[in-house]
Amino acid sequence: MTSKVYSLEHDTVHKEYRMEVAPGTFARVTYSQDDQVLHLNYSEVPQSMRGHGLGNILMEQVLAKIQAEGYQILPVCGFIRNYVAEHQEWHHLLADGHEKGEPKLALESQRSVRR
């Protein structure tokens, strides 16, 4: 895992958090918003930079920023669901109705609503 410090930007226009991992290259988390709940829909680390712990660094920074901004989360992206499930220190950010030990429940209930 790398010890480099990366800066995180919150782009409210494009509804994404992005972290520059190389000049002009970003890792990102995109979301949709329902009042004070952010549905974390997608996460991405550039293919050429995977396997170096950047996804974990991205999630730590994004979740800290979300906490500071006063939002709750509903993880939709599989990577994000698993990350939050494995890190109890972030469970307090989960929106009401999301089972903390079973991250799949929120996604399954969302799928049934979309049908």
PDB file of N, CA and C in Angstrom:
ATOM      1  N   MET A   1       0.849  -1.178   0.000  1.00  0.00           N
ATOM      2  CA  MET A   1       0.000   0.000   0.000  1.00  0.00           C
ATOM      3  C   MET A   1       0.889   1.232   0.000  1.00  0.00           C
ATOM      4  N   THR A   2       0.456   2.249  -0.650  1.00  0.00           N
ATOM      5  CA  THR A   2       1.230   3.466  -0.795  1.00  0.00           C
ATOM      6  C   THR A   2       1.038   4.397   0.394  1.00  0.00           C
ATOM      7  N   SER A   3       2.039   5.238   0.680  1.00  0.00           N
ATOM      8  CA  SER A   3       1.925   6.193   1.778  1.00  0.00           C
ATOM      9  C   SER A   3       1.779   7.621   1.257  1.00  0.00           C
ATOM     10  N   LYS A   4       1.661   7.779  -0.033  1.00  0.00           N
ATOM     11  CA  LYS A   4       1.484   9.093  -0.633  1.00  0.00           C
ATOM     12  C   LYS A   4       0.170   9.708  -0.172  1.00  0.00           C
ATOM     13  N   VAL A   5       0.144  11.026  -0.051  1.00  0.00           N
ATOM     14  CA  VAL A   5      -1.070  11.740   0.333  1.00  0.00           C
ATOM     15  C   VAL A   5      -1.773  12.209  -0.940  1.00  0.00           C
ATOM     16  N   TYR A   6      -3.059  11.887  -1.034  1.00  0.00           N
ATOM     17  CA  TYR A   6      -3.854  12.265  -2.200  1.00  0.00           C
ATOM     18  C   TYR A   6      -4.924  13.245  -1.758  1.00  0.00           C
ATOM     19  N   SER A   7      -5.206  14.222  -2.607  1.00  0.00           N
ATOM     20  CA  SER A   7      -6.266  15.179  -2.268  1.00  0.00           C
ATOM     21  C   SER A   7      -7.582  14.721  -2.899  1.00  0.00           C
ATOM     22  N   LEU A   8      -8.653  15.009  -2.195  1.00  0.00           N
ATOM     23  CA  LEU A   8      -9.984  14.606  -2.629  1.00  0.00           C
ATOM     24  C   LEU A   8     -10.809  15.849  -2.933  1.00  0.00           C
ATOM     25  N   GLU A   9     -11.520  15.808  -4.049  1.00  0.00           N
ATOM     26  CA  GLU A   9     -12.432  16.895  -4.423  1.00  0.00           C
ATOM     27  C   GLU A   9     -13.853  16.360  -4.429  1.00  0.00           C
ATOM     28  N   HIS A  10     -14.805  17.194  -4.003  1.00  0.00           N
ATOM     29  CA  HIS A  10     -16.220  16.843  -4.098  1.00  0.00           C
ATOM     30  C   HIS A  10     -16.823  17.730  -5.177  1.00  0.00           C
ATOM     31  N   ASP A  11     -17.177  17.138  -6.286  1.00  0.00           N
ATOM     32  CA  ASP A  11     -17.775  17.850  -7.412  1.00  0.00           C
ATOM     33  C   ASP A  11     -19.292  17.646  -7.324  1.00  0.00           C
ATOM     34  N   THR A  12     -19.986  18.647  -6.789  1.00  0.00           N
ATOM     35  CA  THR A  12     -21.437  18.525  -6.600  1.00  0.00           C
ATOM     36  C   THR A  12     -22.204  18.645  -7.911  1.00  0.00           C
ATOM     37  N   VAL A  13     -21.615  19.247  -8.926  1.00  0.00           N
ATOM     38  CA  VAL A  13     -22.267  19.365 -10.225  1.00  0.00           C
ATOM     39  C   VAL A  13     -22.355  17.991 -10.897  1.00  0.00           C
ATOM     40  N   HIS A  14     -21.238  17.261 -10.894  1.00  0.00           N
ATOM     41  CA  HIS A  14     -21.193  15.941 -11.522  1.00  0.00           C
ATOM     42  C   HIS A  14     -21.494  14.809 -10.533  1.00  0.00           C
ATOM     43  N   LYS A  15     -21.769  15.172  -9.293  1.00  0.00           N
ATOM     44  CA  LYS A  15     -22.110  14.216  -8.222  1.00  0.00           C
ATOM     45  C   LYS A  15     -21.069  13.112  -8.121  1.00  0.00           C
ATOM     46  N   GLU A  16     -19.847  13.557  -7.835  1.00  0.00           N
ATOM     47  CA  GLU A  16     -18.771  12.602  -7.647  1.00  0.00           C
ATOM     48  C   GLU A  16     -17.717  13.148  -6.697  1.00  0.00           C
ATOM     49  N   TYR A  17     -17.065  12.228  -6.051  1.00  0.00           N
ATOM     50  CA  TYR A  17     -15.858  12.520  -5.287  1.00  0.00           C
ATOM     51  C   TYR A  17     -14.728  11.982  -6.131  1.00  0.00           C
ATOM     52  N   ARG A  18     -13.663  12.766  -6.291  1.00  0.00           N
ATOM     53  CA  ARG A  18     -12.549  12.289  -7.102  1.00  0.00           C
ATOM     54  C   ARG A  18     -11.219  12.619  -6.433  1.00  0.00           C
ATOM     55  N   MET A  19     -10.313  11.692  -6.610  1.00  0.00           N
ATOM     56  CA  MET A  19      -8.990  11.785  -6.012  1.00  0.00           C
ATOM     57  C   MET A  19      -7.970  11.653  -7.139  1.00  0.00           C
ATOM     58  N   GLU A  20      -7.116  12.651  -7.276  1.00  0.00           N
ATOM     59  CA  GLU A  20      -6.101  12.601  -8.334  1.00  0.00           C
ATOM     60  C   GLU A  20      -4.990  11.645  -7.922  1.00  0.00           C
ATOM     61  N   VAL A  21      -4.821  10.574  -8.691  1.00  0.00           N
ATOM     62  CA  VAL A  21      -3.840   9.538  -8.367  1.00  0.00           C
ATOM     63  C   VAL A  21      -2.567   9.665  -9.205  1.00  0.00           C
ATOM     64  N   ALA A  22      -2.641  10.461 -10.261  1.00  0.00           N
ATOM     65  CA  ALA A  22      -1.508  10.815 -11.118  1.00  0.00           C
ATOM     66  C   ALA A  22      -1.950  12.082 -11.830  1.00  0.00           C
ATOM     67  N   PRO A  23      -1.024  12.849 -12.369  1.00  0.00           N
ATOM     68  CA  PRO A  23      -1.435  14.085 -13.037  1.00  0.00           C
ATOM     69  C   PRO A  23      -2.536  13.840 -14.076  1.00  0.00           C
ATOM     70  N   GLY A  24      -3.700  14.444 -13.834  1.00  0.00           N
ATOM     71  CA  GLY A  24      -4.824  14.334 -14.748  1.00  0.00           C
ATOM     72  C   GLY A  24      -5.563  13.000 -14.711  1.00  0.00           C
ATOM     73  N   THR A  25      -5.209  12.121 -13.775  1.00  0.00           N
ATOM     74  CA  THR A  25      -5.821  10.798 -13.656  1.00  0.00           C
ATOM     75  C   THR A  25      -6.484  10.684 -12.294  1.00  0.00           C
ATOM     76  N   PHE A  26      -7.766  10.249 -12.296  1.00  0.00           N
ATOM     77  CA  PHE A  26      -8.554  10.263 -11.072  1.00  0.00           C
ATOM     78  C   PHE A  26      -9.164   8.909 -10.745  1.00  0.00           C
ATOM     79  N   ALA A  27      -9.204   8.623  -9.458  1.00  0.00           N
ATOM     80  CA  ALA A  27     -10.053   7.566  -8.924  1.00  0.00           C
ATOM     81  C   ALA A  27     -11.313   8.289  -8.470  1.00  0.00           C
ATOM     82  N   ARG A  28     -12.482   7.619  -8.551  1.00  0.00           N
ATOM     83  CA  ARG A  28     -13.711   8.350  -8.253  1.00  0.00           C
ATOM     84  C   ARG A  28     -14.784   7.475  -7.643  1.00  0.00           C
ATOM     85  N   VAL A  29     -15.690   8.148  -6.943  1.00  0.00           N
ATOM     86  CA  VAL A  29     -16.929   7.551  -6.455  1.00  0.00           C
ATOM     87  C   VAL A  29     -18.049   8.463  -6.924  1.00  0.00           C
ATOM     88  N   THR A  30     -19.023   7.888  -7.634  1.00  0.00           N
ATOM     89  CA  THR A  30     -20.170   8.674  -8.088  1.00  0.00           C
ATOM     90  C   THR A  30     -21.383   8.334  -7.227  1.00  0.00           C
ATOM     91  N   TYR A  31     -22.314   9.262  -7.181  1.00  0.00           N
ATOM     92  CA  TYR A  31     -23.476   9.077  -6.325  1.00  0.00           C
ATOM     93  C   TYR A  31     -24.699   9.752  -6.904  1.00  0.00           C
ATOM     94  N   SER A  32     -25.845   9.349  -6.393  1.00  0.00           N
ATOM     95  CA  SER A  32     -27.085  10.095  -6.591  1.00  0.00           C
ATOM     96  C   SER A  32     -27.525  10.505  -5.187  1.00  0.00           C
ATOM     97  N   GLN A  33     -28.337  11.527  -5.115  1.00  0.00           N
ATOM     98  CA  GLN A  33     -28.676  12.077  -3.805  1.00  0.00           C
ATOM     99  C   GLN A  33     -30.172  12.092  -3.577  1.00  0.00           C
ATOM    100  N   ASP A  34     -30.569  11.678  -2.393  1.00  0.00           N
ATOM    101  CA  ASP A  34     -31.957  11.719  -1.947  1.00  0.00           C
ATOM    102  C   ASP A  34     -31.945  12.418  -0.599  1.00  0.00           C
ATOM    103  N   ASP A  35     -32.133  13.729  -0.618  1.00  0.00           N
ATOM    104  CA  ASP A  35     -32.072  14.558   0.578  1.00  0.00           C
ATOM    105  C   ASP A  35     -30.689  14.427   1.218  1.00  0.00           C
ATOM    106  N   GLN A  36     -30.591  13.880   2.425  1.00  0.00           N
ATOM    107  CA  GLN A  36     -29.307  13.770   3.115  1.00  0.00           C
ATOM    108  C   GLN A  36     -28.676  12.394   2.961  1.00  0.00           C
ATOM    109  N   VAL A  37     -29.186  11.591   2.039  1.00  0.00           N
ATOM    110  CA  VAL A  37     -28.635  10.252   1.800  1.00  0.00           C
ATOM    111  C   VAL A  37     -27.976  10.227   0.425  1.00  0.00           C
ATOM    112  N   LEU A  38     -26.724   9.806   0.415  1.00  0.00           N
ATOM    113  CA  LEU A  38     -25.999   9.643  -0.839  1.00  0.00           C
ATOM    114  C   LEU A  38     -25.994   8.167  -1.203  1.00  0.00           C
ATOM    115  N   HIS A  39     -26.529   7.847  -2.380  1.00  0.00           N
ATOM    116  CA  HIS A  39     -26.498   6.485  -2.916  1.00  0.00           C
ATOM    117  C   HIS A  39     -25.170   6.363  -3.662  1.00  0.00           C
ATOM    118  N   LEU A  40     -24.230   5.641  -3.080  1.00  0.00           N
ATOM    119  CA  LEU A  40     -22.898   5.506  -3.668  1.00  0.00           C
ATOM    120  C   LEU A  40     -22.960   4.430  -4.744  1.00  0.00           C
ATOM    121  N   ASN A  41     -23.085   4.879  -5.996  1.00  0.00           N
ATOM    122  CA  ASN A  41     -23.422   4.018  -7.123  1.00  0.00           C
ATOM    123  C   ASN A  41     -22.242   3.324  -7.795  1.00  0.00           C
ATOM    124  N   TYR A  42     -21.078   3.958  -7.774  1.00  0.00           N
ATOM    125  CA  TYR A  42     -19.988   3.445  -8.602  1.00  0.00           C
ATOM    126  C   TYR A  42     -18.665   3.923  -8.035  1.00  0.00           C
ATOM    127  N   SER A  43     -17.682   3.055  -8.055  1.00  0.00           N
ATOM    128  CA  SER A  43     -16.322   3.450  -7.679  1.00  0.00           C
ATOM    129  C   SER A  43     -15.366   2.945  -8.751  1.00  0.00           C
ATOM    130  N   GLU A  44     -14.297   3.692  -8.950  1.00  0.00           N
ATOM    131  CA  GLU A  44     -13.349   3.306  -9.995  1.00  0.00           C
ATOM    132  C   GLU A  44     -11.956   3.798  -9.652  1.00  0.00           C
ATOM    133  N   VAL A  45     -11.015   2.911  -9.812  1.00  0.00           N
ATOM    134  CA  VAL A  45      -9.593   3.250  -9.802  1.00  0.00           C
ATOM    135  C   VAL A  45      -9.105   2.920 -11.205  1.00  0.00           C
ATOM    136  N   PRO A  46      -8.337   3.811 -11.837  1.00  0.00           N
ATOM    137  CA  PRO A  46      -7.852   3.513 -13.190  1.00  0.00           C
ATOM    138  C   PRO A  46      -7.185   2.144 -13.266  1.00  0.00           C
ATOM    139  N   GLN A  47      -7.479   1.420 -14.317  1.00  0.00           N
ATOM    140  CA  GLN A  47      -6.987   0.046 -14.510  1.00  0.00           C
ATOM    141  C   GLN A  47      -5.489  -0.067 -14.254  1.00  0.00           C
ATOM    142  N   SER A  48      -4.721   0.850 -14.781  1.00  0.00           N
ATOM    143  CA  SER A  48      -3.265   0.773 -14.666  1.00  0.00           C
ATOM    144  C   SER A  48      -2.759   1.009 -13.250  1.00  0.00           C
ATOM    145  N   MET A  49      -3.641   1.464 -12.354  1.00  0.00           N
ATOM    146  CA  MET A  49      -3.205   1.790 -10.995  1.00  0.00           C
ATOM    147  C   MET A  49      -3.836   0.880  -9.940  1.00  0.00           C
ATOM    148  N   ARG A  50      -4.512  -0.161 -10.372  1.00  0.00           N
ATOM    149  CA  ARG A  50      -5.167  -1.079  -9.432  1.00  0.00           C
ATOM    150  C   ARG A  50      -4.134  -1.983  -8.758  1.00  0.00           C
ATOM    151  N   GLY A  51      -4.500  -2.472  -7.592  1.00  0.00           N
ATOM    152  CA  GLY A  51      -3.628  -3.391  -6.870  1.00  0.00           C
ATOM    153  C   GLY A  51      -2.624  -2.720  -5.964  1.00  0.00           C
ATOM    154  N   HIS A  52      -2.773  -1.417  -5.746  1.00  0.00           N
ATOM    155  CA  HIS A  52      -1.834  -0.671  -4.902  1.00  0.00           C
ATOM    156  C   HIS A  52      -2.519  -0.065  -3.682  1.00  0.00           C
ATOM    157  N   GLY A  53      -3.758  -0.488  -3.402  1.00  0.00           N
ATOM    158  CA  GLY A  53      -4.464   0.016  -2.229  1.00  0.00           C
ATOM    159  C   GLY A  53      -5.178   1.338  -2.430  1.00  0.00           C
ATOM    160  N   LEU A  54      -5.236   1.812  -3.669  1.00  0.00           N
ATOM    161  CA  LEU A  54      -5.860   3.115  -3.916  1.00  0.00           C
ATOM    162  C   LEU A  54      -7.367   3.092  -3.664  1.00  0.00           C
ATOM    163  N   GLY A  55      -8.023   1.960  -3.892  1.00  0.00           N
ATOM    164  CA  GLY A  55      -9.453   1.862  -3.608  1.00  0.00           C
ATOM    165  C   GLY A  55      -9.733   2.078  -2.136  1.00  0.00           C
ATOM    166  N   ASN A  56      -8.903   1.493  -1.278  1.00  0.00           N
ATOM    167  CA  ASN A  56      -9.067   1.682   0.165  1.00  0.00           C
ATOM    168  C   ASN A  56      -8.795   3.119   0.583  1.00  0.00           C
ATOM    169  N   ILE A  57      -7.760   3.705   0.015  1.00  0.00           N
ATOM    170  CA  ILE A  57      -7.448   5.114   0.322  1.00  0.00           C
ATOM    171  C   ILE A  57      -8.599   5.998  -0.133  1.00  0.00           C
ATOM    172  N   LEU A  58      -9.110   5.740  -1.329  1.00  0.00           N
ATOM    173  CA  LEU A  58     -10.244   6.505  -1.856  1.00  0.00           C
ATOM    174  C   LEU A  58     -11.430   6.411  -0.900  1.00  0.00           C
ATOM    175  N   MET A  59     -11.776   5.196  -0.474  1.00  0.00           N
ATOM    176  CA  MET A  59     -12.936   5.023   0.393  1.00  0.00           C
ATOM    177  C   MET A  59     -12.748   5.709   1.731  1.00  0.00           C
ATOM    178  N   GLU A  60     -11.571   5.628   2.311  1.00  0.00           N
ATOM    179  CA  GLU A  60     -11.333   6.304   3.596  1.00  0.00           C
ATOM    180  C   GLU A  60     -11.538   7.809   3.456  1.00  0.00           C
ATOM    181  N   GLN A  61     -11.012   8.376   2.378  1.00  0.00           N
ATOM    182  CA  GLN A  61     -11.150   9.812   2.173  1.00  0.00           C
ATOM    183  C   GLN A  61     -12.596  10.196   1.863  1.00  0.00           C
ATOM    184  N   VAL A  62     -13.260   9.430   1.012  1.00  0.00           N
ATOM    185  CA  VAL A  62     -14.647   9.741   0.649  1.00  0.00           C
ATOM    186  C   VAL A  62     -15.549   9.639   1.876  1.00  0.00           C
ATOM    187  N   LEU A  63     -15.416   8.579   2.641  1.00  0.00           N
ATOM    188  CA  LEU A  63     -16.286   8.413   3.806  1.00  0.00           C
ATOM    189  C   LEU A  63     -16.017   9.473   4.867  1.00  0.00           C
ATOM    190  N   ALA A  64     -14.765   9.857   5.052  1.00  0.00           N
ATOM    191  CA  ALA A  64     -14.452  10.938   5.996  1.00  0.00           C
ATOM    192  C   ALA A  64     -15.080  12.255   5.534  1.00  0.00           C
ATOM    193  N   LYS A  65     -15.027  12.510   4.241  1.00  0.00           N
ATOM    194  CA  LYS A  65     -15.617  13.730   3.686  1.00  0.00           C
ATOM    195  C   LYS A  65     -17.140  13.711   3.834  1.00  0.00           C
ATOM    196  N   ILE A  66     -17.758  12.572   3.534  1.00  0.00           N
ATOM    197  CA  ILE A  66     -19.207  12.438   3.676  1.00  0.00           C
ATOM    198  C   ILE A  66     -19.611  12.666   5.126  1.00  0.00           C
ATOM    199  N   GLN A  67     -18.846  12.105   6.036  1.00  0.00           N
ATOM    200  CA  GLN A  67     -19.120  12.306   7.461  1.00  0.00           C
ATOM    201  C   GLN A  67     -19.030  13.783   7.830  1.00  0.00           C
ATOM    202  N   ALA A  68     -17.990  14.451   7.375  1.00  0.00           N
ATOM    203  CA  ALA A  68     -17.797  15.877   7.667  1.00  0.00           C
ATOM    204  C   ALA A  68     -18.911  16.729   7.077  1.00  0.00           C
ATOM    205  N   GLU A  69     -19.451  16.294   5.934  1.00  0.00           N
ATOM    206  CA  GLU A  69     -20.519  17.040   5.272  1.00  0.00           C
ATOM    207  C   GLU A  69     -21.896  16.733   5.859  1.00  0.00           C
ATOM    208  N   GLY A  70     -21.978  15.737   6.732  1.00  0.00           N
ATOM    209  CA  GLY A  70     -23.220  15.441   7.427  1.00  0.00           C
ATOM    210  C   GLY A  70     -24.209  14.559   6.678  1.00  0.00           C
ATOM    211  N   TYR A  71     -23.729  13.809   5.690  1.00  0.00           N
ATOM    212  CA  TYR A  71     -24.609  12.922   4.931  1.00  0.00           C
ATOM    213  C   TYR A  71     -24.618  11.512   5.524  1.00  0.00           C
ATOM    214  N   GLN A  72     -25.616  10.740   5.118  1.00  0.00           N
ATOM    215  CA  GLN A  72     -25.648   9.308   5.356  1.00  0.00           C
ATOM    216  C   GLN A  72     -25.434   8.647   3.999  1.00  0.00           C
ATOM    217  N   ILE A  73     -25.190   7.342   4.017  1.00  0.00           N
ATOM    218  CA  ILE A  73     -24.898   6.654   2.762  1.00  0.00           C
ATOM    219  C   ILE A  73     -25.776   5.424   2.579  1.00  0.00           C
ATOM    220  N   LEU A  74     -25.959   5.090   1.326  1.00  0.00           N
ATOM    221  CA  LEU A  74     -26.562   3.827   0.920  1.00  0.00           C
ATOM    222  C   LEU A  74     -25.616   3.247  -0.135  1.00  0.00           C
ATOM    223  N   PRO A  75     -24.767   2.292   0.241  1.00  0.00           N
ATOM    224  CA  PRO A  75     -23.813   1.729  -0.718  1.00  0.00           C
ATOM    225  C   PRO A  75     -24.518   0.854  -1.752  1.00  0.00           C
ATOM    226  N   VAL A  76     -24.346   1.176  -3.010  1.00  0.00           N
ATOM    227  CA  VAL A  76     -24.927   0.401  -4.102  1.00  0.00           C
ATOM    228  C   VAL A  76     -23.823  -0.394  -4.803  1.00  0.00           C
ATOM    229  N   CYS A  77     -22.710   0.240  -5.059  1.00  0.00           N
ATOM    230  CA  CYS A  77     -21.551  -0.387  -5.695  1.00  0.00           C
ATOM    231  C   CYS A  77     -21.057  -1.548  -4.823  1.00  0.00           C
ATOM    232  N   GLY A  78     -20.767  -2.684  -5.448  1.00  0.00           N
ATOM    233  CA  GLY A  78     -20.307  -3.858  -4.718  1.00  0.00           C
ATOM    234  C   GLY A  78     -19.048  -3.615  -3.908  1.00  0.00           C
ATOM    235  N   PHE A  79     -18.071  -2.928  -4.488  1.00  0.00           N
ATOM    236  CA  PHE A  79     -16.832  -2.649  -3.768  1.00  0.00           C
ATOM    237  C   PHE A  79     -17.124  -1.808  -2.529  1.00  0.00           C
ATOM    238  N   ILE A  80     -17.958  -0.795  -2.684  1.00  0.00           N
ATOM    239  CA  ILE A  80     -18.276   0.086  -1.561  1.00  0.00           C
ATOM    240  C   ILE A  80     -19.069  -0.669  -0.502  1.00  0.00           C
ATOM    241  N   ARG A  81     -20.042  -1.475  -0.906  1.00  0.00           N
ATOM    242  CA  ARG A  81     -20.817  -2.286   0.051  1.00  0.00           C
ATOM    243  C   ARG A  81     -19.891  -3.154   0.888  1.00  0.00           C
ATOM    244  N   ASN A  82     -18.984  -3.847   0.217  1.00  0.00           N
ATOM    245  CA  ASN A  82     -18.056  -4.724   0.926  1.00  0.00           C
ATOM    246  C   ASN A  82     -17.102  -3.942   1.819  1.00  0.00           C
ATOM    247  N   TYR A  83     -16.626  -2.821   1.327  1.00  0.00           N
ATOM    248  CA  TYR A  83     -15.701  -2.008   2.128  1.00  0.00           C
ATOM    249  C   TYR A  83     -16.369  -1.556   3.420  1.00  0.00           C
ATOM    250  N   VAL A  84     -17.576  -1.021   3.311  1.00  0.00           N
ATOM    251  CA  VAL A  84     -18.281  -0.543   4.503  1.00  0.00           C
ATOM    252  C   VAL A  84     -18.610  -1.709   5.435  1.00  0.00           C
ATOM    253  N   ALA A  85     -19.024  -2.838   4.881  1.00  0.00           N
ATOM    254  CA  ALA A  85     -19.351  -4.000   5.706  1.00  0.00           C
ATOM    255  C   ALA A  85     -18.143  -4.455   6.522  1.00  0.00           C
ATOM    256  N   GLU A  86     -16.946  -4.335   5.948  1.00  0.00           N
ATOM    257  CA  GLU A  86     -15.722  -4.782   6.618  1.00  0.00           C
ATOM    258  C   GLU A  86     -15.124  -3.736   7.551  1.00  0.00           C
ATOM    259  N   HIS A  87     -15.648  -2.516   7.539  1.00  0.00           N
ATOM    260  CA  HIS A  87     -15.089  -1.432   8.362  1.00  0.00           C
ATOM    261  C   HIS A  87     -16.187  -0.849   9.249  1.00  0.00           C
ATOM    262  N   GLN A  88     -16.323  -1.432  10.425  1.00  0.00           N
ATOM    263  CA  GLN A  88     -17.387  -1.034  11.339  1.00  0.00           C
ATOM    264  C   GLN A  88     -17.333   0.441  11.718  1.00  0.00           C
ATOM    265  N   GLU A  89     -16.170   1.046  11.619  1.00  0.00           N
ATOM    266  CA  GLU A  89     -16.047   2.460  11.983  1.00  0.00           C
ATOM    267  C   GLU A  89     -16.896   3.371  11.091  1.00  0.00           C
ATOM    268  N   TRP A  90     -17.383   2.850   9.961  1.00  0.00           N
ATOM    269  CA  TRP A  90     -18.215   3.645   9.055  1.00  0.00           C
ATOM    270  C   TRP A  90     -19.686   3.254   9.102  1.00  0.00           C
ATOM    271  N   HIS A  91     -20.054   2.271   9.884  1.00  0.00           N
ATOM    272  CA  HIS A  91     -21.442   1.815   9.935  1.00  0.00           C
ATOM    273  C   HIS A  91     -22.409   2.909  10.381  1.00  0.00           C
ATOM    274  N   HIS A  92     -21.938   3.850  11.183  1.00  0.00           N
ATOM    275  CA  HIS A  92     -22.828   4.930  11.638  1.00  0.00           C
ATOM    276  C   HIS A  92     -23.291   5.827  10.485  1.00  0.00           C
ATOM    277  N   LEU A  93     -22.626   5.754   9.345  1.00  0.00           N
ATOM    278  CA  LEU A  93     -23.033   6.558   8.185  1.00  0.00           C
ATOM    279  C   LEU A  93     -24.161   5.910   7.392  1.00  0.00           C
ATOM    280  N   LEU A  94     -24.411   4.622   7.621  1.00  0.00           N
ATOM    281  CA  LEU A  94     -25.435   3.913   6.853  1.00  0.00           C
ATOM    282  C   LEU A  94     -26.817   4.489   7.128  1.00  0.00           C
ATOM    283  N   ALA A  95     -27.554   4.718   6.065  1.00  0.00           N
ATOM    284  CA  ALA A  95     -28.906   5.264   6.178  1.00  0.00           C
ATOM    285  C   ALA A  95     -29.800   4.267   6.901  1.00  0.00           C
ATOM    286  N   ASP A  96     -30.811   4.766   7.567  1.00  0.00           N
ATOM    287  CA  ASP A  96     -31.774   3.910   8.263  1.00  0.00           C
ATOM    288  C   ASP A  96     -32.324   2.868   7.310  1.00  0.00           C
ATOM    289  N   GLY A  97     -32.523   1.661   7.816  1.00  0.00           N
ATOM    290  CA  GLY A  97     -33.060   0.590   7.001  1.00  0.00           C
ATOM    291  C   GLY A  97     -31.984  -0.257   6.351  1.00  0.00           C
ATOM    292  N   HIS A  98     -30.725   0.162   6.426  1.00  0.00           N
ATOM    293  CA  HIS A  98     -29.626  -0.621   5.864  1.00  0.00           C
ATOM    294  C   HIS A  98     -29.051  -1.476   6.972  1.00  0.00           C
ATOM    295  N   GLU A  99     -29.066  -2.772   6.782  1.00  0.00           N
ATOM    296  CA  GLU A  99     -28.528  -3.697   7.782  1.00  0.00           C
ATOM    297  C   GLU A  99     -27.007  -3.625   7.762  1.00  0.00           C
ATOM    298  N   LYS A 100     -26.424  -3.320   8.898  1.00  0.00           N
ATOM    299  CA  LYS A 100     -24.985  -3.116   8.968  1.00  0.00           C
ATOM    300  C   LYS A 100     -24.179  -4.378   8.699  1.00  0.00           C
ATOM    301  N   GLY A 101     -24.670  -5.520   9.066  1.00  0.00           N
ATOM    302  CA  GLY A 101     -23.919  -6.743   8.853  1.00  0.00           C
ATOM    303  C   GLY A 101     -24.241  -7.423   7.542  1.00  0.00           C
ATOM    304  N   GLU A 102     -25.202  -6.920   6.806  1.00  0.00           N
ATOM    305  CA  GLU A 102     -25.639  -7.561   5.565  1.00  0.00           C
ATOM    306  C   GLU A 102     -25.770  -6.502   4.478  1.00  0.00           C
ATOM    307  N   PRO A 103     -24.648  -6.125   3.847  1.00  0.00           N
ATOM    308  CA  PRO A 103     -24.683  -5.027   2.880  1.00  0.00           C
ATOM    309  C   PRO A 103     -25.523  -5.296   1.647  1.00  0.00           C
ATOM    310  N   LYS A 104     -25.871  -6.538   1.356  1.00  0.00           N
ATOM    311  CA  LYS A 104     -26.630  -6.841   0.147  1.00  0.00           C
ATOM    312  C   LYS A 104     -28.096  -6.425   0.263  1.00  0.00           C
ATOM    313  N   LEU A 105     -28.616  -6.314   1.475  1.00  0.00           N
ATOM    314  CA  LEU A 105     -30.039  -6.051   1.651  1.00  0.00           C
ATOM    315  C   LEU A 105     -30.489  -4.758   0.991  1.00  0.00           C
ATOM    316  N   ALA A 106     -29.709  -3.727   1.114  1.00  0.00           N
ATOM    317  CA  ALA A 106     -30.097  -2.441   0.530  1.00  0.00           C
ATOM    318  C   ALA A 106     -30.174  -2.541  -0.987  1.00  0.00           C
ATOM    319  N   LEU A 107     -29.218  -3.214  -1.594  1.00  0.00           N
ATOM    320  CA  LEU A 107     -29.219  -3.359  -3.043  1.00  0.00           C
ATOM    321  C   LEU A 107     -30.417  -4.189  -3.489  1.00  0.00           C
ATOM    322  N   GLU A 108     -30.714  -5.279  -2.780  1.00  0.00           N
ATOM    323  CA  GLU A 108     -31.849  -6.114  -3.155  1.00  0.00           C
ATOM    324  C   GLU A 108     -33.153  -5.348  -3.057  1.00  0.00           C
ATOM    325  N   SER A 109     -33.319  -4.515  -2.021  1.00  0.00           N
ATOM    326  CA  SER A 109     -34.544  -3.753  -1.893  1.00  0.00           C
ATOM    327  C   SER A 109     -34.632  -2.688  -2.977  1.00  0.00           C
ATOM    328  N   GLN A 110     -33.509  -2.122  -3.388  1.00  0.00           N
ATOM    329  CA  GLN A 110     -33.524  -1.129  -4.470  1.00  0.00           C
ATOM    330  C   GLN A 110     -33.907  -1.781  -5.782  1.00  0.00           C
ATOM    331  N   ARG A 111     -33.425  -2.989  -6.017  1.00  0.00           N
ATOM    332  CA  ARG A 111     -33.763  -3.683  -7.266  1.00  0.00           C
ATOM    333  C   ARG A 111     -35.253  -3.950  -7.341  1.00  0.00           C
ATOM    334  N   SER A 112     -35.861  -4.329  -6.222  1.00  0.00           N
ATOM    335  CA  SER A 112     -37.290  -4.626  -6.243  1.00  0.00           C
ATOM    336  C   SER A 112     -38.108  -3.367  -6.479  1.00  0.00           C
ATOM    337  N   VAL A 113     -37.609  -2.211  -6.044  1.00  0.00           N
ATOM    338  CA  VAL A 113     -38.309  -0.954  -6.262  1.00  0.00           C
ATOM    339  C   VAL A 113     -38.228  -0.560  -7.736  1.00  0.00           C
ATOM    340  N   ARG A 114     -37.115  -0.827  -8.383  1.00  0.00           N
ATOM    341  CA  ARG A 114     -36.914  -0.426  -9.789  1.00  0.00           C
ATOM    342  C   ARG A 114     -37.740  -1.250 -10.760  1.00  0.00           C
ATOM    343  N   ARG A 115     -38.146  -2.452 -10.382  1.00  0.00           N
ATOM    344  CA  ARG A 115     -38.862  -3.345 -11.304  1.00  0.00           C
ATOM    345  C   ARG A 115     -40.219  -2.849 -11.644  1.00  0.00           C
TER     346      ARG A 115
END
